[in-house]
N, C-alpha and C. Protein backbone atom coordinates (compact mmCIF):
# COMPACT_ATOMS: atom_id res chain seq x y z
N MET A 1 -7.16 -44.47 2.71
CA MET A 1 -6.54 -43.52 1.78
C MET A 1 -7.25 -43.60 0.42
N ALA A 2 -7.66 -42.47 -0.09
CA ALA A 2 -8.39 -42.43 -1.35
C ALA A 2 -7.44 -42.63 -2.52
N SER A 3 -7.84 -43.47 -3.44
CA SER A 3 -7.01 -43.62 -4.64
C SER A 3 -7.38 -42.52 -5.61
N SER A 4 -6.44 -42.16 -6.46
CA SER A 4 -6.71 -41.07 -7.40
C SER A 4 -7.81 -41.48 -8.39
N ASP A 5 -7.97 -42.78 -8.64
CA ASP A 5 -9.04 -43.25 -9.52
C ASP A 5 -10.40 -42.78 -8.99
N SER A 6 -10.57 -42.90 -7.68
CA SER A 6 -11.83 -42.52 -7.06
C SER A 6 -12.10 -41.03 -7.21
N VAL A 7 -11.07 -40.23 -7.01
CA VAL A 7 -11.22 -38.77 -7.14
C VAL A 7 -11.53 -38.43 -8.60
N ASP A 8 -10.81 -39.05 -9.53
CA ASP A 8 -11.05 -38.82 -10.96
C ASP A 8 -12.48 -39.18 -11.34
N THR A 9 -12.95 -40.31 -10.84
CA THR A 9 -14.30 -40.78 -11.13
C THR A 9 -15.31 -39.78 -10.60
N LEU A 10 -15.08 -39.32 -9.38
CA LEU A 10 -15.97 -38.34 -8.76
C LEU A 10 -16.02 -37.06 -9.59
N LEU A 11 -14.85 -36.55 -9.98
CA LEU A 11 -14.78 -35.28 -10.71
C LEU A 11 -15.38 -35.39 -12.11
N ALA A 12 -15.39 -36.60 -12.66
CA ALA A 12 -15.93 -36.81 -14.01
C ALA A 12 -17.44 -37.03 -13.99
N ASN A 13 -18.02 -37.22 -12.82
CA ASN A 13 -19.45 -37.51 -12.72
C ASN A 13 -20.21 -36.26 -12.30
N LYS A 14 -21.25 -35.92 -13.06
CA LYS A 14 -21.99 -34.67 -12.82
C LYS A 14 -22.55 -34.60 -11.40
N ASP A 15 -23.24 -35.63 -10.96
CA ASP A 15 -23.81 -35.62 -9.60
C ASP A 15 -22.71 -35.63 -8.54
N GLY A 16 -21.69 -36.44 -8.81
CA GLY A 16 -20.58 -36.54 -7.87
C GLY A 16 -19.88 -35.20 -7.70
N LEU A 17 -19.64 -34.56 -8.84
CA LEU A 17 -18.98 -33.25 -8.83
C LEU A 17 -19.82 -32.23 -8.09
N GLU A 18 -21.11 -32.25 -8.35
CA GLU A 18 -22.03 -31.31 -7.69
C GLU A 18 -22.01 -31.51 -6.17
N ALA A 19 -22.05 -32.75 -5.72
CA ALA A 19 -22.03 -33.05 -4.29
C ALA A 19 -20.70 -32.63 -3.66
N PHE A 20 -19.61 -32.89 -4.38
CA PHE A 20 -18.28 -32.54 -3.89
C PHE A 20 -18.14 -31.02 -3.78
N ARG A 21 -18.65 -30.29 -4.79
CA ARG A 21 -18.60 -28.82 -4.76
C ARG A 21 -19.39 -28.28 -3.57
N LYS A 22 -20.57 -28.87 -3.35
CA LYS A 22 -21.42 -28.44 -2.24
C LYS A 22 -20.68 -28.65 -0.91
N PHE A 23 -20.02 -29.80 -0.81
CA PHE A 23 -19.24 -30.10 0.40
C PHE A 23 -18.09 -29.11 0.57
N LEU A 24 -17.34 -28.85 -0.52
CA LEU A 24 -16.21 -27.91 -0.44
C LEU A 24 -16.69 -26.51 -0.07
N LYS A 25 -17.87 -26.16 -0.59
CA LYS A 25 -18.44 -24.85 -0.26
C LYS A 25 -18.70 -24.76 1.24
N SER A 26 -19.19 -25.85 1.82
CA SER A 26 -19.46 -25.87 3.26
C SER A 26 -18.16 -25.76 4.06
N GLU A 27 -17.06 -26.14 3.45
CA GLU A 27 -15.75 -26.04 4.11
C GLU A 27 -14.99 -24.78 3.67
N PHE A 28 -15.63 -23.94 2.90
CA PHE A 28 -15.02 -22.71 2.37
C PHE A 28 -13.77 -23.01 1.56
N SER A 29 -13.81 -24.09 0.77
CA SER A 29 -12.65 -24.39 -0.08
C SER A 29 -13.08 -24.77 -1.49
N GLU A 30 -14.23 -24.24 -1.95
CA GLU A 30 -14.71 -24.59 -3.29
C GLU A 30 -13.83 -24.01 -4.38
N GLU A 31 -12.97 -23.03 -4.03
CA GLU A 31 -12.06 -22.49 -5.05
C GLU A 31 -11.14 -23.58 -5.60
N ASN A 32 -10.86 -24.61 -4.80
CA ASN A 32 -9.98 -25.69 -5.28
C ASN A 32 -10.58 -26.42 -6.47
N VAL A 33 -11.82 -26.85 -6.33
CA VAL A 33 -12.44 -27.59 -7.44
C VAL A 33 -12.73 -26.64 -8.60
N GLU A 34 -13.06 -25.39 -8.30
CA GLU A 34 -13.29 -24.42 -9.37
C GLU A 34 -12.01 -24.17 -10.17
N PHE A 35 -10.90 -24.07 -9.47
CA PHE A 35 -9.61 -23.89 -10.15
C PHE A 35 -9.28 -25.12 -10.99
N TRP A 36 -9.48 -26.31 -10.42
CA TRP A 36 -9.19 -27.55 -11.13
C TRP A 36 -10.02 -27.63 -12.43
N LEU A 37 -11.31 -27.31 -12.32
CA LEU A 37 -12.19 -27.33 -13.49
C LEU A 37 -11.77 -26.28 -14.53
N ALA A 38 -11.39 -25.10 -14.05
CA ALA A 38 -10.93 -24.03 -14.96
C ALA A 38 -9.69 -24.50 -15.72
N CYS A 39 -8.79 -25.20 -15.04
CA CYS A 39 -7.58 -25.72 -15.68
C CYS A 39 -7.91 -26.79 -16.71
N GLU A 40 -8.85 -27.67 -16.38
CA GLU A 40 -9.27 -28.71 -17.32
C GLU A 40 -9.83 -28.07 -18.59
N ASP A 41 -10.65 -27.05 -18.42
CA ASP A 41 -11.23 -26.34 -19.55
C ASP A 41 -10.13 -25.62 -20.34
N PHE A 42 -9.22 -24.98 -19.63
CA PHE A 42 -8.13 -24.22 -20.24
C PHE A 42 -7.27 -25.10 -21.15
N LYS A 43 -6.98 -26.32 -20.68
CA LYS A 43 -6.11 -27.22 -21.44
C LYS A 43 -6.72 -27.67 -22.77
N LYS A 44 -8.03 -27.49 -22.92
CA LYS A 44 -8.71 -27.87 -24.17
C LYS A 44 -8.80 -26.70 -25.15
N THR A 45 -8.30 -25.54 -24.75
CA THR A 45 -8.41 -24.33 -25.56
C THR A 45 -7.53 -24.42 -26.80
N LYS A 46 -8.10 -24.06 -27.94
CA LYS A 46 -7.37 -24.17 -29.21
C LYS A 46 -6.80 -22.83 -29.67
N SER A 47 -7.60 -21.77 -29.60
CA SER A 47 -7.17 -20.49 -30.17
C SER A 47 -6.19 -19.76 -29.25
N SER A 48 -5.12 -19.21 -29.81
CA SER A 48 -4.10 -18.55 -29.00
C SER A 48 -4.64 -17.29 -28.30
N THR A 49 -5.59 -16.62 -28.93
CA THR A 49 -6.22 -15.45 -28.29
C THR A 49 -6.96 -15.88 -27.04
N LYS A 50 -7.72 -16.99 -27.17
CA LYS A 50 -8.47 -17.49 -26.02
C LYS A 50 -7.54 -18.01 -24.93
N ILE A 51 -6.43 -18.61 -25.33
CA ILE A 51 -5.46 -19.11 -24.34
C ILE A 51 -5.01 -17.94 -23.46
N THR A 52 -4.65 -16.83 -24.09
CA THR A 52 -4.20 -15.66 -23.33
C THR A 52 -5.31 -15.12 -22.44
N LEU A 53 -6.51 -14.99 -22.98
CA LEU A 53 -7.64 -14.47 -22.20
C LEU A 53 -7.98 -15.37 -21.01
N LYS A 54 -8.09 -16.68 -21.28
CA LYS A 54 -8.44 -17.63 -20.22
C LYS A 54 -7.33 -17.69 -19.16
N ALA A 55 -6.08 -17.66 -19.61
CA ALA A 55 -4.96 -17.70 -18.66
C ALA A 55 -5.00 -16.49 -17.74
N GLN A 56 -5.26 -15.32 -18.32
CA GLN A 56 -5.36 -14.09 -17.52
C GLN A 56 -6.50 -14.20 -16.51
N ARG A 57 -7.61 -14.76 -16.95
CA ARG A 57 -8.77 -14.89 -16.05
C ARG A 57 -8.44 -15.85 -14.90
N ILE A 58 -7.86 -16.99 -15.23
CA ILE A 58 -7.48 -17.95 -14.18
C ILE A 58 -6.50 -17.29 -13.21
N TYR A 59 -5.55 -16.57 -13.77
CA TYR A 59 -4.54 -15.90 -12.95
C TYR A 59 -5.18 -14.89 -12.00
N SER A 60 -6.06 -14.04 -12.54
CA SER A 60 -6.66 -13.00 -11.69
C SER A 60 -7.70 -13.57 -10.72
N ASP A 61 -8.36 -14.67 -11.09
CA ASP A 61 -9.35 -15.28 -10.19
C ASP A 61 -8.73 -16.11 -9.07
N PHE A 62 -7.63 -16.83 -9.40
CA PHE A 62 -7.14 -17.85 -8.46
C PHE A 62 -5.69 -17.70 -7.99
N ILE A 63 -4.83 -17.09 -8.80
CA ILE A 63 -3.40 -17.16 -8.53
C ILE A 63 -2.83 -15.92 -7.86
N GLU A 64 -3.13 -14.74 -8.43
CA GLU A 64 -2.44 -13.54 -7.92
C GLU A 64 -2.80 -13.29 -6.45
N ALA A 65 -1.91 -12.60 -5.77
CA ALA A 65 -2.12 -12.29 -4.35
C ALA A 65 -3.45 -11.56 -4.19
N ASP A 66 -4.22 -11.95 -3.19
CA ASP A 66 -5.54 -11.36 -2.91
C ASP A 66 -6.55 -11.58 -4.03
N ALA A 67 -6.35 -12.62 -4.84
CA ALA A 67 -7.33 -12.98 -5.87
C ALA A 67 -8.64 -13.33 -5.16
N PRO A 68 -9.80 -13.08 -5.80
CA PRO A 68 -11.08 -13.34 -5.12
C PRO A 68 -11.26 -14.81 -4.69
N LYS A 69 -10.66 -15.74 -5.45
CA LYS A 69 -10.77 -17.16 -5.09
C LYS A 69 -9.37 -17.75 -4.94
N GLU A 70 -8.51 -17.01 -4.29
CA GLU A 70 -7.09 -17.40 -4.20
C GLU A 70 -6.91 -18.82 -3.67
N ILE A 71 -6.16 -19.62 -4.42
CA ILE A 71 -5.89 -21.00 -4.00
C ILE A 71 -4.61 -21.03 -3.16
N ASN A 72 -4.50 -22.06 -2.37
CA ASN A 72 -3.38 -22.19 -1.46
C ASN A 72 -2.24 -22.99 -2.12
N ILE A 73 -1.32 -22.26 -2.77
CA ILE A 73 -0.16 -22.90 -3.38
C ILE A 73 1.11 -22.23 -2.85
N ASP A 74 2.22 -22.93 -2.98
CA ASP A 74 3.47 -22.40 -2.45
C ASP A 74 3.97 -21.21 -3.26
N PHE A 75 4.85 -20.45 -2.65
CA PHE A 75 5.41 -19.24 -3.26
C PHE A 75 6.10 -19.54 -4.58
N HIS A 76 6.89 -20.61 -4.62
CA HIS A 76 7.66 -20.96 -5.81
C HIS A 76 6.74 -21.21 -7.02
N THR A 77 5.68 -21.97 -6.81
CA THR A 77 4.73 -22.28 -7.89
C THR A 77 4.01 -21.00 -8.35
N ARG A 78 3.54 -20.21 -7.37
CA ARG A 78 2.84 -18.95 -7.69
C ARG A 78 3.77 -18.02 -8.47
N ASN A 79 5.01 -17.91 -8.01
CA ASN A 79 5.99 -17.03 -8.62
C ASN A 79 6.29 -17.45 -10.07
N HIS A 80 6.43 -18.75 -10.27
CA HIS A 80 6.72 -19.30 -11.59
C HIS A 80 5.59 -18.94 -12.57
N ILE A 81 4.35 -19.08 -12.11
CA ILE A 81 3.20 -18.73 -12.95
C ILE A 81 3.21 -17.23 -13.25
N SER A 82 3.45 -16.43 -12.23
CA SER A 82 3.47 -14.97 -12.39
C SER A 82 4.50 -14.53 -13.42
N GLN A 83 5.65 -15.18 -13.41
CA GLN A 83 6.72 -14.82 -14.34
C GLN A 83 6.38 -15.20 -15.78
N ASN A 84 5.54 -16.20 -15.97
CA ASN A 84 5.25 -16.69 -17.32
C ASN A 84 3.86 -16.34 -17.85
N ILE A 85 3.08 -15.63 -17.04
CA ILE A 85 1.67 -15.39 -17.42
C ILE A 85 1.54 -14.48 -18.64
N SER A 86 2.54 -13.68 -18.92
CA SER A 86 2.45 -12.79 -20.08
C SER A 86 2.52 -13.57 -21.40
N GLU A 87 3.14 -14.76 -21.35
CA GLU A 87 3.17 -15.64 -22.53
C GLU A 87 2.72 -17.03 -22.12
N PRO A 88 1.43 -17.18 -21.82
CA PRO A 88 0.96 -18.46 -21.27
C PRO A 88 1.00 -19.61 -22.27
N THR A 89 1.25 -20.81 -21.74
CA THR A 89 1.16 -22.03 -22.54
C THR A 89 0.05 -22.89 -21.93
N LEU A 90 -0.37 -23.92 -22.65
CA LEU A 90 -1.45 -24.78 -22.13
C LEU A 90 -1.03 -25.53 -20.87
N SER A 91 0.27 -25.58 -20.60
CA SER A 91 0.71 -26.30 -19.40
C SER A 91 1.13 -25.36 -18.27
N CYS A 92 0.87 -24.06 -18.42
CA CYS A 92 1.38 -23.10 -17.44
C CYS A 92 0.78 -23.26 -16.04
N PHE A 93 -0.38 -23.90 -15.92
CA PHE A 93 -0.99 -24.09 -14.60
C PHE A 93 -0.85 -25.53 -14.09
N ASP A 94 -0.14 -26.38 -14.84
CA ASP A 94 -0.06 -27.81 -14.49
C ASP A 94 0.44 -28.07 -13.08
N ASP A 95 1.52 -27.39 -12.67
CA ASP A 95 2.07 -27.63 -11.33
C ASP A 95 1.06 -27.25 -10.25
N ALA A 96 0.45 -26.09 -10.43
CA ALA A 96 -0.56 -25.62 -9.46
C ALA A 96 -1.76 -26.57 -9.45
N GLN A 97 -2.17 -27.03 -10.63
CA GLN A 97 -3.31 -27.94 -10.70
C GLN A 97 -2.99 -29.26 -9.99
N ARG A 98 -1.75 -29.74 -10.18
CA ARG A 98 -1.34 -30.97 -9.49
C ARG A 98 -1.37 -30.80 -7.97
N LEU A 99 -0.88 -29.66 -7.50
CA LEU A 99 -0.88 -29.39 -6.05
C LEU A 99 -2.30 -29.37 -5.50
N ILE A 100 -3.19 -28.70 -6.20
CA ILE A 100 -4.58 -28.56 -5.76
C ILE A 100 -5.30 -29.92 -5.83
N TYR A 101 -5.03 -30.68 -6.88
CA TYR A 101 -5.61 -32.02 -7.00
C TYR A 101 -5.18 -32.88 -5.81
N SER A 102 -3.90 -32.82 -5.52
CA SER A 102 -3.34 -33.59 -4.42
C SER A 102 -3.97 -33.17 -3.09
N LEU A 103 -4.16 -31.88 -2.91
CA LEU A 103 -4.79 -31.36 -1.70
C LEU A 103 -6.22 -31.89 -1.59
N MET A 104 -6.95 -31.87 -2.71
CA MET A 104 -8.34 -32.37 -2.68
C MET A 104 -8.35 -33.88 -2.40
N ALA A 105 -7.44 -34.62 -3.03
CA ALA A 105 -7.42 -36.08 -2.89
C ALA A 105 -7.03 -36.50 -1.47
N LYS A 106 -6.04 -35.82 -0.88
CA LYS A 106 -5.54 -36.24 0.44
C LYS A 106 -6.32 -35.63 1.59
N ASP A 107 -6.88 -34.45 1.36
CA ASP A 107 -7.47 -33.69 2.45
C ASP A 107 -8.99 -33.64 2.37
N SER A 108 -9.52 -33.08 1.29
CA SER A 108 -10.97 -32.88 1.18
C SER A 108 -11.73 -34.16 0.91
N PHE A 109 -11.21 -35.00 0.02
CA PHE A 109 -11.92 -36.21 -0.40
C PHE A 109 -12.22 -37.16 0.77
N PRO A 110 -11.23 -37.49 1.63
CA PRO A 110 -11.55 -38.37 2.76
C PRO A 110 -12.63 -37.79 3.67
N ARG A 111 -12.62 -36.46 3.87
CA ARG A 111 -13.67 -35.83 4.69
C ARG A 111 -15.00 -35.86 3.96
N PHE A 112 -14.96 -35.67 2.65
CA PHE A 112 -16.18 -35.74 1.83
C PHE A 112 -16.86 -37.11 2.01
N LEU A 113 -16.05 -38.18 2.06
CA LEU A 113 -16.60 -39.54 2.19
C LEU A 113 -17.34 -39.74 3.52
N ARG A 114 -17.08 -38.86 4.49
CA ARG A 114 -17.78 -38.95 5.78
C ARG A 114 -18.89 -37.91 5.90
N SER A 115 -19.14 -37.15 4.83
CA SER A 115 -20.07 -36.02 4.90
C SER A 115 -21.51 -36.41 4.56
N ASN A 116 -22.43 -35.51 4.93
CA ASN A 116 -23.83 -35.70 4.57
C ASN A 116 -24.03 -35.61 3.06
N GLU A 117 -23.26 -34.73 2.41
CA GLU A 117 -23.36 -34.59 0.96
C GLU A 117 -23.08 -35.93 0.28
N TYR A 118 -22.08 -36.62 0.80
CA TYR A 118 -21.73 -37.93 0.23
C TYR A 118 -22.84 -38.95 0.50
N LYS A 119 -23.37 -38.95 1.71
CA LYS A 119 -24.45 -39.90 2.05
C LYS A 119 -25.67 -39.67 1.16
N GLU A 120 -25.97 -38.39 0.92
CA GLU A 120 -27.10 -38.07 0.02
C GLU A 120 -26.82 -38.53 -1.40
N LEU A 121 -25.60 -38.36 -1.83
CA LEU A 121 -25.19 -38.79 -3.18
C LEU A 121 -25.36 -40.30 -3.33
N VAL A 122 -24.91 -41.04 -2.34
CA VAL A 122 -25.02 -42.51 -2.37
C VAL A 122 -26.49 -42.92 -2.45
N LYS A 123 -27.32 -42.28 -1.63
CA LYS A 123 -28.76 -42.58 -1.64
C LYS A 123 -29.35 -42.33 -3.03
N LYS A 124 -29.00 -41.19 -3.59
CA LYS A 124 -29.49 -40.79 -4.92
C LYS A 124 -29.05 -41.83 -5.95
N GLN A 125 -27.80 -42.26 -5.89
CA GLN A 125 -27.27 -43.23 -6.85
C GLN A 125 -27.95 -44.59 -6.67
N GLN A 126 -28.16 -44.98 -5.41
CA GLN A 126 -28.79 -46.28 -5.15
C GLN A 126 -30.22 -46.28 -5.66
N ASN A 127 -30.90 -45.14 -5.48
CA ASN A 127 -32.27 -45.03 -5.97
C ASN A 127 -32.31 -45.20 -7.49
N ARG A 128 -31.29 -44.69 -8.15
CA ARG A 128 -31.23 -44.84 -9.60
C ARG A 128 -30.56 -46.14 -9.98
N ASN A 129 -30.07 -46.85 -8.98
CA ASN A 129 -29.37 -48.11 -9.19
C ASN A 129 -28.16 -47.91 -10.12
N GLN A 130 -27.37 -46.89 -9.82
CA GLN A 130 -26.18 -46.61 -10.64
C GLN A 130 -24.95 -46.67 -9.75
N LYS A 131 -24.77 -47.76 -9.07
CA LYS A 131 -23.64 -47.83 -8.15
C LYS A 131 -22.32 -48.02 -8.87
N ARG A 132 -22.37 -48.32 -10.17
CA ARG A 132 -21.14 -48.73 -10.84
C ARG A 132 -20.05 -47.68 -10.88
N TRP A 133 -20.42 -46.38 -10.92
CA TRP A 133 -19.40 -45.35 -11.00
C TRP A 133 -18.77 -45.01 -9.66
N LEU A 134 -19.27 -45.63 -8.59
CA LEU A 134 -18.74 -45.34 -7.25
C LEU A 134 -17.81 -46.47 -6.79
N PRO A 135 -16.64 -46.60 -7.36
CA PRO A 135 -15.77 -47.73 -7.00
C PRO A 135 -15.23 -47.61 -5.58
N PHE A 136 -15.43 -46.44 -4.94
CA PHE A 136 -14.85 -46.26 -3.62
C PHE A 136 -15.86 -46.49 -2.52
N LEU A 137 -17.04 -47.06 -2.86
CA LEU A 137 -18.02 -47.37 -1.83
C LEU A 137 -17.59 -48.55 -1.00
């Protein structure tokens, strides 16, 4: 079972993130990490105009029915976001982001650890002798 520390470490590392995205793309689920990254970026937004614009973009890209990169979240969470999207707050996607993070940690991450993308990443890191950021090896 993957610890959340390992997933956090992976997502915070440029090469790790790139390998994980490549793997998710091969599984047709890269929208999960894209949504997670969009939420991380959104939470750092300072200007209220940008908050509204970014929230609308996240909503139309990932949340609304038939969105081009629609994420797999339950009706209740999707509905709650839909009801509040007209006046978005920095925490308006938190529940959805938690669900998607959990899905990646429990579902995608263990499969990633058995993938070729992961094996290539390990080789690359060993060549650079940077094993320290991979606590889940």
